[in-house]
PDB file of all heavy atoms in Angstrom:
ATOM      1  N   MET A   1     -63.110 -67.370-123.286  1.00  0.00           N
ATOM      2  CA  MET A   1     -64.417 -67.322-123.956  1.00  0.00           C
ATOM      3  C   MET A   1     -64.610 -68.545-124.855  1.00  0.00           C
ATOM      4  O   MET A   1     -63.657 -69.048-125.450  1.00  0.00           O
ATOM      5  CB  MET A   1     -64.551 -66.040-124.786  1.00  0.00           C
ATOM      6  CG  MET A   1     -64.519 -64.778-123.935  1.00  0.00           C
ATOM      7  SD  MET A   1     -64.617 -63.276-124.926  1.00  0.00           S
ATOM      8  CE  MET A   1     -66.294 -63.401-125.540  1.00  0.00           C
ATOM      9  N   GLU A   2     -65.873 -68.996-124.932  1.00  0.00           N
ATOM     10  CA  GLU A   2     -66.208 -70.158-125.749  1.00  0.00           C
ATOM     11  C   GLU A   2     -66.180 -69.799-127.232  1.00  0.00           C
ATOM     12  O   GLU A   2     -66.165 -68.626-127.606  1.00  0.00           O
ATOM     13  CB  GLU A   2     -67.602 -70.679-125.383  1.00  0.00           C
ATOM     14  CG  GLU A   2     -68.703 -69.679-125.676  1.00  0.00           C
ATOM     15  CD  GLU A   2     -70.069 -70.196-125.282  1.00  0.00           C
ATOM     16  OE1 GLU A   2     -70.149 -71.274-124.674  1.00  0.00           O
ATOM     17  OE2 GLU A   2     -71.051 -69.487-125.572  1.00  0.00           O
ATOM     18  N   ASN A   3     -66.192 -70.827-128.059  1.00  0.00           N
ATOM     19  CA  ASN A   3     -66.196 -70.631-129.502  1.00  0.00           C
ATOM     20  C   ASN A   3     -67.522 -69.985-129.921  1.00  0.00           C
ATOM     21  O   ASN A   3     -68.593 -70.360-129.477  1.00  0.00           O
ATOM     22  CB  ASN A   3     -66.027 -71.982-130.218  1.00  0.00           C
ATOM     23  CG  ASN A   3     -65.802 -71.809-131.711  1.00  0.00           C
ATOM     24  OD1 ASN A   3     -66.746 -71.537-132.430  1.00  0.00           O
ATOM     25  ND2 ASN A   3     -64.556 -71.979-132.142  1.00  0.00           N
ATOM     26  N   HIS A   4     -67.441 -68.963-130.806  1.00  0.00           N
ATOM     27  CA  HIS A   4     -68.615 -68.180-131.219  1.00  0.00           C
ATOM     28  C   HIS A   4     -69.116 -68.531-132.623  1.00  0.00           C
ATOM     29  O   HIS A   4     -69.924 -67.797-133.191  1.00  0.00           O
ATOM     30  CB  HIS A   4     -68.283 -66.679-131.193  1.00  0.00           C
ATOM     31  CG  HIS A   4     -68.312 -66.091-129.814  1.00  0.00           C
ATOM     32  ND1 HIS A   4     -67.860 -66.770-128.711  1.00  0.00           N
ATOM     33  CD2 HIS A   4     -68.766 -64.875-129.372  1.00  0.00           C
ATOM     34  CE1 HIS A   4     -67.996 -65.998-127.637  1.00  0.00           C
ATOM     35  NE2 HIS A   4     -68.554 -64.846-128.004  1.00  0.00           N
ATOM     36  N   LEU A   5     -68.661 -69.640-133.175  1.00  0.00           N
ATOM     37  CA  LEU A   5     -68.980 -69.934-134.563  1.00  0.00           C
ATOM     38  C   LEU A   5     -70.487 -70.092-134.801  1.00  0.00           C
ATOM     39  O   LEU A   5     -70.981 -69.779-135.877  1.00  0.00           O
ATOM     40  CB  LEU A   5     -68.239 -71.204-135.008  1.00  0.00           C
ATOM     41  CG  LEU A   5     -68.392 -71.576-136.498  1.00  0.00           C
ATOM     42  CD1 LEU A   5     -67.832 -70.468-137.378  1.00  0.00           C
ATOM     43  CD2 LEU A   5     -67.692 -72.900-136.794  1.00  0.00           C
ATOM     44  N   GLN A   6     -71.223 -70.562-133.786  1.00  0.00           N
ATOM     45  CA  GLN A   6     -72.652 -70.832-133.960  1.00  0.00           C
ATOM     46  C   GLN A   6     -73.537 -69.627-133.647  1.00  0.00           C
ATOM     47  O   GLN A   6     -74.761 -69.742-133.700  1.00  0.00           O
ATOM     48  CB  GLN A   6     -73.070 -72.031-133.086  1.00  0.00           C
ATOM     49  CG  GLN A   6     -72.389 -73.334-133.452  1.00  0.00           C
ATOM     50  CD  GLN A   6     -72.582 -73.703-134.914  1.00  0.00           C
ATOM     51  OE1 GLN A   6     -73.694 -73.618-135.430  1.00  0.00           O
ATOM     52  NE2 GLN A   6     -71.501 -74.100-135.580  1.00  0.00           N
ATOM     53  N   ARG A   7     -72.916 -68.503-133.298  1.00  0.00           N
ATOM     54  CA  ARG A   7     -73.742 -67.309-133.068  1.00  0.00           C
ATOM     55  C   ARG A   7     -74.353 -66.857-134.405  1.00  0.00           C
ATOM     56  O   ARG A   7     -73.658 -66.826-135.436  1.00  0.00           O
ATOM     57  CB  ARG A   7     -72.898 -66.176-132.480  1.00  0.00           C
ATOM     58  CG  ARG A   7     -72.220 -66.554-131.162  1.00  0.00           C
ATOM     59  CD  ARG A   7     -73.248 -66.797-130.063  1.00  0.00           C
ATOM     60  NE  ARG A   7     -72.670 -67.392-128.878  1.00  0.00           N
ATOM     61  CZ  ARG A   7     -72.133 -66.699-127.859  1.00  0.00           C
ATOM     62  NH1 ARG A   7     -72.132 -65.383-127.908  1.00  0.00           N
ATOM     63  NH2 ARG A   7     -71.634 -67.323-126.807  1.00  0.00           N
ATOM     64  N   PRO A   8     -75.622 -66.505-134.412  1.00  0.00           N
ATOM     65  CA  PRO A   8     -76.295 -66.205-135.691  1.00  0.00           C
ATOM     66  C   PRO A   8     -75.648 -65.083-136.487  1.00  0.00           C
ATOM     67  O   PRO A   8     -75.549 -65.145-137.708  1.00  0.00           O
ATOM     68  CB  PRO A   8     -77.725 -65.850-135.261  1.00  0.00           C
ATOM     69  CG  PRO A   8     -77.665 -65.584-133.797  1.00  0.00           C
ATOM     70  CD  PRO A   8     -76.553 -66.416-133.274  1.00  0.00           C
ATOM     71  N   GLU A   9     -75.192 -64.039-135.784  1.00  0.00           N
ATOM     72  CA  GLU A   9     -74.595 -62.933-136.525  1.00  0.00           C
ATOM     73  C   GLU A   9     -73.243 -63.330-137.134  1.00  0.00           C
ATOM     74  O   GLU A   9     -72.868 -62.847-138.211  1.00  0.00           O
ATOM     75  CB  GLU A   9     -74.436 -61.705-135.618  1.00  0.00           C
ATOM     76  CG  GLU A   9     -73.449 -61.860-134.464  1.00  0.00           C
ATOM     77  CD  GLU A   9     -74.039 -62.553-133.252  1.00  0.00           C
ATOM     78  OE1 GLU A   9     -75.214 -62.990-133.320  1.00  0.00           O
ATOM     79  OE2 GLU A   9     -73.333 -62.642-132.230  1.00  0.00           O
ATOM     80  N   ILE A  10     -72.502 -64.237-136.465  1.00  0.00           N
ATOM     81  CA  ILE A  10     -71.217 -64.705-136.980  1.00  0.00           C
ATOM     82  C   ILE A  10     -71.438 -65.571-138.210  1.00  0.00           C
ATOM     83  O   ILE A  10     -70.768 -65.425-139.240  1.00  0.00           O
ATOM     84  CB  ILE A  10     -70.449 -65.487-135.893  1.00  0.00           C
ATOM     85  CG1 ILE A  10     -70.263 -64.619-134.634  1.00  0.00           C
ATOM     86  CG2 ILE A  10     -69.108 -65.957-136.437  1.00  0.00           C
ATOM     87  CD1 ILE A  10     -69.520 -63.335-134.860  1.00  0.00           C
ATOM     88  N   LEU A  11     -72.418 -66.484-138.105  1.00  0.00           N
ATOM     89  CA  LEU A  11     -72.724 -67.350-139.245  1.00  0.00           C
ATOM     90  C   LEU A  11     -73.142 -66.526-140.462  1.00  0.00           C
ATOM     91  O   LEU A  11     -72.726 -66.793-141.587  1.00  0.00           O
ATOM     92  CB  LEU A  11     -73.850 -68.325-138.868  1.00  0.00           C
ATOM     93  CG  LEU A  11     -73.464 -69.461-137.911  1.00  0.00           C
ATOM     94  CD1 LEU A  11     -74.706 -70.242-137.490  1.00  0.00           C
ATOM     95  CD2 LEU A  11     -72.450 -70.398-138.561  1.00  0.00           C
ATOM     96  N   ALA A  12     -73.975 -65.499-140.220  1.00  0.00           N
ATOM     97  CA  ALA A  12     -74.438 -64.651-141.325  1.00  0.00           C
ATOM     98  C   ALA A  12     -73.271 -63.881-141.942  1.00  0.00           C
ATOM     99  O   ALA A  12     -73.204 -63.714-143.168  1.00  0.00           O
ATOM    100  CB  ALA A  12     -75.512 -63.687-140.827  1.00  0.00           C
ATOM    101  N   ALA A  13     -72.350 -63.392-141.104  1.00  0.00           N
ATOM    102  CA  ALA A  13     -71.203 -62.633-141.617  1.00  0.00           C
ATOM    103  C   ALA A  13     -70.292 -63.518-142.462  1.00  0.00           C
ATOM    104  O   ALA A  13     -69.810 -63.101-143.518  1.00  0.00           O
ATOM    105  CB  ALA A  13     -70.433 -62.021-140.450  1.00  0.00           C
ATOM    106  N   LEU A  14     -70.048 -64.751-142.000  1.00  0.00           N
ATOM    107  CA  LEU A  14     -69.191 -65.663-142.769  1.00  0.00           C
ATOM    108  C   LEU A  14     -69.858 -66.069-144.085  1.00  0.00           C
ATOM    109  O   LEU A  14     -69.184 -66.366-145.071  1.00  0.00           O
ATOM    110  CB  LEU A  14     -68.890 -66.916-141.927  1.00  0.00           C
ATOM    111  CG  LEU A  14     -67.970 -66.693-140.710  1.00  0.00           C
ATOM    112  CD1 LEU A  14     -67.904 -67.943-139.857  1.00  0.00           C
ATOM    113  CD2 LEU A  14     -66.574 -66.264-141.153  1.00  0.00           C
ATOM    114  N   GLU A  15     -71.181 -66.068-144.082  1.00  0.00           N
ATOM    115  CA  GLU A  15     -71.913 -66.510-145.265  1.00  0.00           C
ATOM    116  C   GLU A  15     -72.135 -65.383-146.275  1.00  0.00           C
ATOM    117  O   GLU A  15     -71.981 -65.566-147.483  1.00  0.00           O
ATOM    118  CB  GLU A  15     -73.267 -67.080-144.820  1.00  0.00           C
ATOM    119  CG  GLU A  15     -73.957 -67.894-145.900  1.00  0.00           C
ATOM    120  CD  GLU A  15     -75.193 -68.595-145.368  1.00  0.00           C
ATOM    121  OE1 GLU A  15     -75.078 -69.310-144.349  1.00  0.00           O
ATOM    122  OE2 GLU A  15     -76.262 -68.403-145.956  1.00  0.00           O
ATOM    123  N   SER A  16     -72.521 -64.188-145.766  1.00  0.00           N
ATOM    124  CA  SER A  16     -72.897 -63.107-146.683  1.00  0.00           C
ATOM    125  C   SER A  16     -72.080 -61.832-146.502  1.00  0.00           C
ATOM    126  O   SER A  16     -72.339 -60.835-147.157  1.00  0.00           O
ATOM    127  CB  SER A  16     -74.387 -62.775-146.516  1.00  0.00           C
ATOM    128  OG  SER A  16     -74.646 -62.346-145.190  1.00  0.00           O
ATOM    129  N   GLY A  17     -71.143 -61.827-145.576  1.00  0.00           N
ATOM    130  CA  GLY A  17     -70.304 -60.643-145.398  1.00  0.00           C
ATOM    131  C   GLY A  17     -70.669 -59.817-144.179  1.00  0.00           C
ATOM    132  O   GLY A  17     -69.825 -59.123-143.624  1.00  0.00           O
ATOM    133  N   GLU A  18     -71.917 -59.863-143.735  1.00  0.00           N
ATOM    134  CA  GLU A  18     -72.322 -59.148-142.539  1.00  0.00           C
ATOM    135  C   GLU A  18     -73.548 -59.832-141.948  1.00  0.00           C
ATOM    136  O   GLU A  18     -74.273 -60.553-142.626  1.00  0.00           O
ATOM    137  CB  GLU A  18     -72.636 -57.683-142.835  1.00  0.00           C
ATOM    138  CG  GLU A  18     -73.767 -57.487-143.825  1.00  0.00           C
ATOM    139  CD  GLU A  18     -74.065 -56.021-144.057  1.00  0.00           C
ATOM    140  OE1 GLU A  18     -73.472 -55.185-143.367  1.00  0.00           O
ATOM    141  OE2 GLU A  18     -74.918 -55.726-144.932  1.00  0.00           O
ATOM    142  N   GLY A  19     -73.750 -59.607-140.655  1.00  0.00           N
ATOM    143  CA  GLY A  19     -74.902 -60.208-139.989  1.00  0.00           C
ATOM    144  C   GLY A  19     -75.318 -59.401-138.778  1.00  0.00           C
ATOM    145  O   GLY A  19     -74.510 -58.669-138.190  1.00  0.00           O
ATOM    146  N   GLU A  20     -76.589 -59.503-138.417  1.00  0.00           N
ATOM    147  CA  GLU A  20     -77.153 -58.776-137.273  1.00  0.00           C
ATOM    148  C   GLU A  20     -78.005 -59.715-136.453  1.00  0.00           C
ATOM    149  O   GLU A  20     -78.589 -60.669-136.970  1.00  0.00           O
ATOM    150  CB  GLU A  20     -78.013 -57.598-137.741  1.00  0.00           C
ATOM    151  CG  GLU A  20     -77.255 -56.500-138.438  1.00  0.00           C
ATOM    152  CD  GLU A  20     -78.182 -55.386-138.910  1.00  0.00           C
ATOM    153  OE1 GLU A  20     -79.408 -55.631-138.996  1.00  0.00           O
ATOM    154  OE2 GLU A  20     -77.682 -54.285-139.182  1.00  0.00           O
ATOM    155  N   SER A  21     -78.080 -59.428-135.163  1.00  0.00           N
ATOM    156  CA  SER A  21     -79.004 -60.157-134.289  1.00  0.00           C
ATOM    157  C   SER A  21     -79.231 -59.329-133.033  1.00  0.00           C
ATOM    158  O   SER A  21     -78.457 -58.426-132.710  1.00  0.00           O
ATOM    159  CB  SER A  21     -78.459 -61.547-133.930  1.00  0.00           C
ATOM    160  OG  SER A  21     -77.300 -61.432-133.107  1.00  0.00           O
ATOM    161  N   THR A  22     -80.313 -59.647-132.343  1.00  0.00           N
ATOM    162  CA  THR A  22     -80.661 -58.977-131.086  1.00  0.00           C
ATOM    163  C   THR A  22     -81.042 -60.045-130.075  1.00  0.00           C
ATOM    164  O   THR A  22     -81.848 -60.930-130.370  1.00  0.00           O
ATOM    165  CB  THR A  22     -81.844 -58.017-131.280  1.00  0.00           C
ATOM    166  OG1 THR A  22     -81.524 -57.075-132.318  1.00  0.00           O
ATOM    167  CG2 THR A  22     -82.144 -57.247-130.003  1.00  0.00           C
ATOM    168  N   ARG A  23     -80.402 -59.964-128.878  1.00  0.00           N
ATOM    169  CA  ARG A  23     -80.693 -60.949-127.832  1.00  0.00           C
ATOM    170  C   ARG A  23     -80.897 -60.234-126.508  1.00  0.00           C
ATOM    171  O   ARG A  23     -80.431 -59.099-126.307  1.00  0.00           O
ATOM    172  CB  ARG A  23     -79.543 -61.961-127.719  1.00  0.00           C
ATOM    173  CG  ARG A  23     -79.362 -62.819-128.947  1.00  0.00           C
ATOM    174  CD  ARG A  23     -78.412 -63.979-128.670  1.00  0.00           C
ATOM    175  NE  ARG A  23     -77.018 -63.576-128.606  1.00  0.00           N
ATOM    176  CZ  ARG A  23     -76.229 -63.436-129.675  1.00  0.00           C
ATOM    177  NH1 ARG A  23     -76.730 -63.637-130.893  1.00  0.00           N
ATOM    178  NH2 ARG A  23     -74.969 -63.093-129.534  1.00  0.00           N
ATOM    179  N   ALA A  24     -81.617 -60.925-125.619  1.00  0.00           N
ATOM    180  CA  ALA A  24     -81.857 -60.373-124.290  1.00  0.00           C
ATOM    181  C   ALA A  24     -80.534 -60.179-123.569  1.00  0.00           C
ATOM    182  O   ALA A  24     -79.631 -61.017-123.635  1.00  0.00           O
ATOM    183  CB  ALA A  24     -82.773 -61.290-123.490  1.00  0.00           C
ATOM    184  N   SER A  25     -80.439 -59.052-122.865  1.00  0.00           N
ATOM    185  CA  SER A  25     -79.208 -58.738-122.132  1.00  0.00           C
ATOM    186  C   SER A  25     -79.290 -59.287-120.719  1.00  0.00           C
ATOM    187  O   SER A  25     -80.372 -59.603-120.200  1.00  0.00           O
ATOM    188  CB  SER A  25     -79.001 -57.227-122.103  1.00  0.00           C
ATOM    189  OG  SER A  25     -77.894 -56.896-121.297  1.00  0.00           O
ATOM    190  N   ALA A  26     -78.114 -59.399-120.096  1.00  0.00           N
ATOM    191  CA  ALA A  26     -78.083 -59.817-118.690  1.00  0.00           C
ATOM    192  C   ALA A  26     -78.701 -58.756-117.794  1.00  0.00           C
ATOM    193  O   ALA A  26     -79.173 -59.044-116.696  1.00  0.00           O
ATOM    194  CB  ALA A  26     -76.636 -60.104-118.265  1.00  0.00           C
ATOM    195  N   THR A  27     -78.701 -57.520-118.261  1.00  0.00           N
ATOM    196  CA  THR A  27     -79.308 -56.420-117.502  1.00  0.00           C
ATOM    197  C   THR A  27     -80.811 -56.418-117.734  1.00  0.00           C
ATOM    198  O   THR A  27     -81.281 -56.486-118.865  1.00  0.00           O
ATOM    199  CB  THR A  27     -78.720 -55.071-117.959  1.00  0.00           C
ATOM    200  OG1 THR A  27     -77.303 -55.133-117.869  1.00  0.00           O
ATOM    201  CG2 THR A  27     -79.257 -53.944-117.083  1.00  0.00           C
ATOM    202  N   LEU A  28     -81.598 -56.338-116.640  1.00  0.00           N
ATOM    203  CA  LEU A  28     -83.048 -56.387-116.740  1.00  0.00           C
ATOM    204  C   LEU A  28     -83.579 -55.211-117.568  1.00  0.00           C
ATOM    205  O   LEU A  28     -83.182 -54.073-117.373  1.00  0.00           O
ATOM    206  CB  LEU A  28     -83.664 -56.350-115.326  1.00  0.00           C
ATOM    207  CG  LEU A  28     -85.180 -56.505-115.263  1.00  0.00           C
ATOM    208  CD1 LEU A  28     -85.600 -57.878-115.775  1.00  0.00           C
ATOM    209  CD2 LEU A  28     -85.671 -56.288-113.837  1.00  0.00           C
ATOM    210  N   GLY A  29     -84.502 -55.506-118.479  1.00  0.00           N
ATOM    211  CA  GLY A  29     -85.139 -54.461-119.272  1.00  0.00           C
ATOM    212  C   GLY A  29     -84.285 -53.946-120.405  1.00  0.00           C
ATOM    213  O   GLY A  29     -84.602 -52.906-120.978  1.00  0.00           O
ATOM    214  N   ARG A  30     -83.224 -54.671-120.766  1.00  0.00           N
ATOM    215  CA  ARG A  30     -82.372 -54.215-121.860  1.00  0.00           C
ATOM    216  C   ARG A  30     -82.098 -55.365-122.823  1.00  0.00           C
ATOM    217  O   ARG A  30     -82.244 -56.542-122.479  1.00  0.00           O
ATOM    218  CB  ARG A  30     -81.041 -53.643-121.321  1.00  0.00           C
ATOM    219  CG  ARG A  30     -81.249 -52.454-120.411  1.00  0.00           C
ATOM    220  CD  ARG A  30     -79.925 -51.821-120.014  1.00  0.00           C
ATOM    221  NE  ARG A  30     -79.324 -51.064-121.098  1.00  0.00           N
ATOM    222  CZ  ARG A  30     -79.648 -49.803-121.400  1.00  0.00           C
ATOM    223  NH1 ARG A  30     -80.578 -49.176-120.714  1.00  0.00           N
ATOM    224  NH2 ARG A  30     -79.039 -49.182-122.385  1.00  0.00           N
ATOM    225  N   GLU A  31     -81.695 -55.017-124.049  1.00  0.00           N
ATOM    226  CA  GLU A  31     -81.340 -55.982-125.078  1.00  0.00           C
ATOM    227  C   GLU A  31     -79.980 -55.618-125.666  1.00  0.00           C
ATOM    228  O   GLU A  31     -79.599 -54.449-125.660  1.00  0.00           O
ATOM    229  CB  GLU A  31     -82.396 -55.994-126.201  1.00  0.00           C
ATOM    230  CG  GLU A  31     -83.742 -56.532-125.776  1.00  0.00           C
ATOM    231  CD  GLU A  31     -84.763 -56.473-126.903  1.00  0.00           C
ATOM    232  OE1 GLU A  31     -84.569 -55.667-127.831  1.00  0.00           O
ATOM    233  OE2 GLU A  31     -85.740 -57.217-126.836  1.00  0.00           O
ATOM    234  N   THR A  32     -79.284 -56.630-126.150  1.00  0.00           N
ATOM    235  CA  THR A  32     -77.983 -56.404-126.778  1.00  0.00           C
ATOM    236  C   THR A  32     -78.130 -56.556-128.288  1.00  0.00           C
ATOM    237  O   THR A  32     -78.659 -57.565-128.766  1.00  0.00           O
ATOM    238  CB  THR A  32     -76.933 -57.390-126.255  1.00  0.00           C
ATOM    239  OG1 THR A  32     -76.855 -57.276-124.830  1.00  0.00           O
ATOM    240  CG2 THR A  32     -75.565 -57.077-126.857  1.00  0.00           C
ATOM    241  N   VAL A  33     -77.670 -55.537-129.007  1.00  0.00           N
ATOM    242  CA  VAL A  33     -77.715 -55.543-130.465  1.00  0.00           C
ATOM    243  C   VAL A  33     -76.318 -55.874-130.985  1.00  0.00           C
ATOM    244  O   VAL A  33     -75.334 -55.227-130.594  1.00  0.00           O
ATOM    245  CB  VAL A  33     -78.183 -54.179-131.015  1.00  0.00           C
ATOM    246  CG1 VAL A  33     -78.303 -54.230-132.535  1.00  0.00           C
ATOM    247  CG2 VAL A  33     -79.508 -53.782-130.396  1.00  0.00           C
ATOM    248  N   TYR A  34     -76.226 -56.866-131.845  1.00  0.00           N
ATOM    249  CA  TYR A  34     -74.949 -57.314-132.393  1.00  0.00           C
ATOM    250  C   TYR A  34     -74.874 -57.022-133.883  1.00  0.00           C
ATOM    251  O   TYR A  34     -75.866 -57.170-134.604  1.00  0.00           O
ATOM    252  CB  TYR A  34     -74.763 -58.824-132.186  1.00  0.00           C
ATOM    253  CG  TYR A  34     -74.699 -59.255-130.741  1.00  0.00           C
ATOM    254  CD1 TYR A  34     -75.852 -59.652-130.075  1.00  0.00           C
ATOM    255  CD2 TYR A  34     -73.490 -59.281-130.052  1.00  0.00           C
ATOM    256  CE1 TYR A  34     -75.811 -60.072-128.760  1.00  0.00           C
ATOM    257  CE2 TYR A  34     -73.437 -59.694-128.733  1.00  0.00           C
ATOM    258  CZ  TYR A  34     -74.595 -60.087-128.083  1.00  0.00           C
ATOM    259  OH  TYR A  34     -74.548 -60.485-126.778  1.00  0.00           O
ATOM    260  N   TYR A  35     -73.662 -56.642-134.330  1.00  0.00           N
ATOM    261  CA  TYR A  35     -73.406 -56.477-135.762  1.00  0.00           C
ATOM    262  C   TYR A  35     -72.041 -57.085-136.061  1.00  0.00           C
ATOM    263  O   TYR A  35     -71.030 -56.732-135.417  1.00  0.00           O
ATOM    264  CB  TYR A  35     -73.412 -55.011-136.165  1.00  0.00           C
ATOM    265  CG  TYR A  35     -73.024 -54.781-137.613  1.00  0.00           C
ATOM    266  CD1 TYR A  35     -73.909 -55.087-138.634  1.00  0.00           C
ATOM    267  CD2 TYR A  35     -71.759 -54.310-137.961  1.00  0.00           C
ATOM    268  CE1 TYR A  35     -73.570 -54.906-139.970  1.00  0.00           C
ATOM    269  CE2 TYR A  35     -71.404 -54.125-139.287  1.00  0.00           C
ATOM    270  CZ  TYR A  35     -72.312 -54.421-140.290  1.00  0.00           C
ATOM    271  OH  TYR A  35     -71.963 -54.244-141.604  1.00  0.00           O
ATOM    272  N   ALA A  36     -72.002 -58.031-136.986  1.00  0.00           N
ATOM    273  CA  ALA A  36     -70.760 -58.719-137.341  1.00  0.00           C
ATOM    274  C   ALA A  36     -70.411 -58.413-138.789  1.00  0.00           C
ATOM    275  O   ALA A  36     -71.292 -58.362-139.653  1.00  0.00           O
ATOM    276  CB  ALA A  36     -70.919 -60.221-137.131  1.00  0.00           C
ATOM    277  N   LEU A  37     -69.084 -58.227-139.037  1.00  0.00           N
ATOM    278  CA  LEU A  37     -68.601 -57.873-140.367  1.00  0.00           C
ATOM    279  C   LEU A  37     -67.397 -58.742-140.704  1.00  0.00           C
ATOM    280  O   LEU A  37     -66.433 -58.823-139.923  1.00  0.00           O
ATOM    281  CB  LEU A  37     -68.205 -56.394-140.403  1.00  0.00           C
ATOM    282  CG  LEU A  37     -67.705 -55.848-141.739  1.00  0.00           C
ATOM    283  CD1 LEU A  37     -68.821 -55.869-142.777  1.00  0.00           C
ATOM    284  CD2 LEU A  37     -67.168 -54.434-141.553  1.00  0.00           C
TER     285      LEU A  37
END
């Protein structure tokens, strides 16, 4: 797997302790919800 440092939820977690983001999923009609701590 590639480096994840630039993912928005990772950046937010490193900066403020936690982060969230939502991105389109590979599956049609679905989205992936991320939470980083």
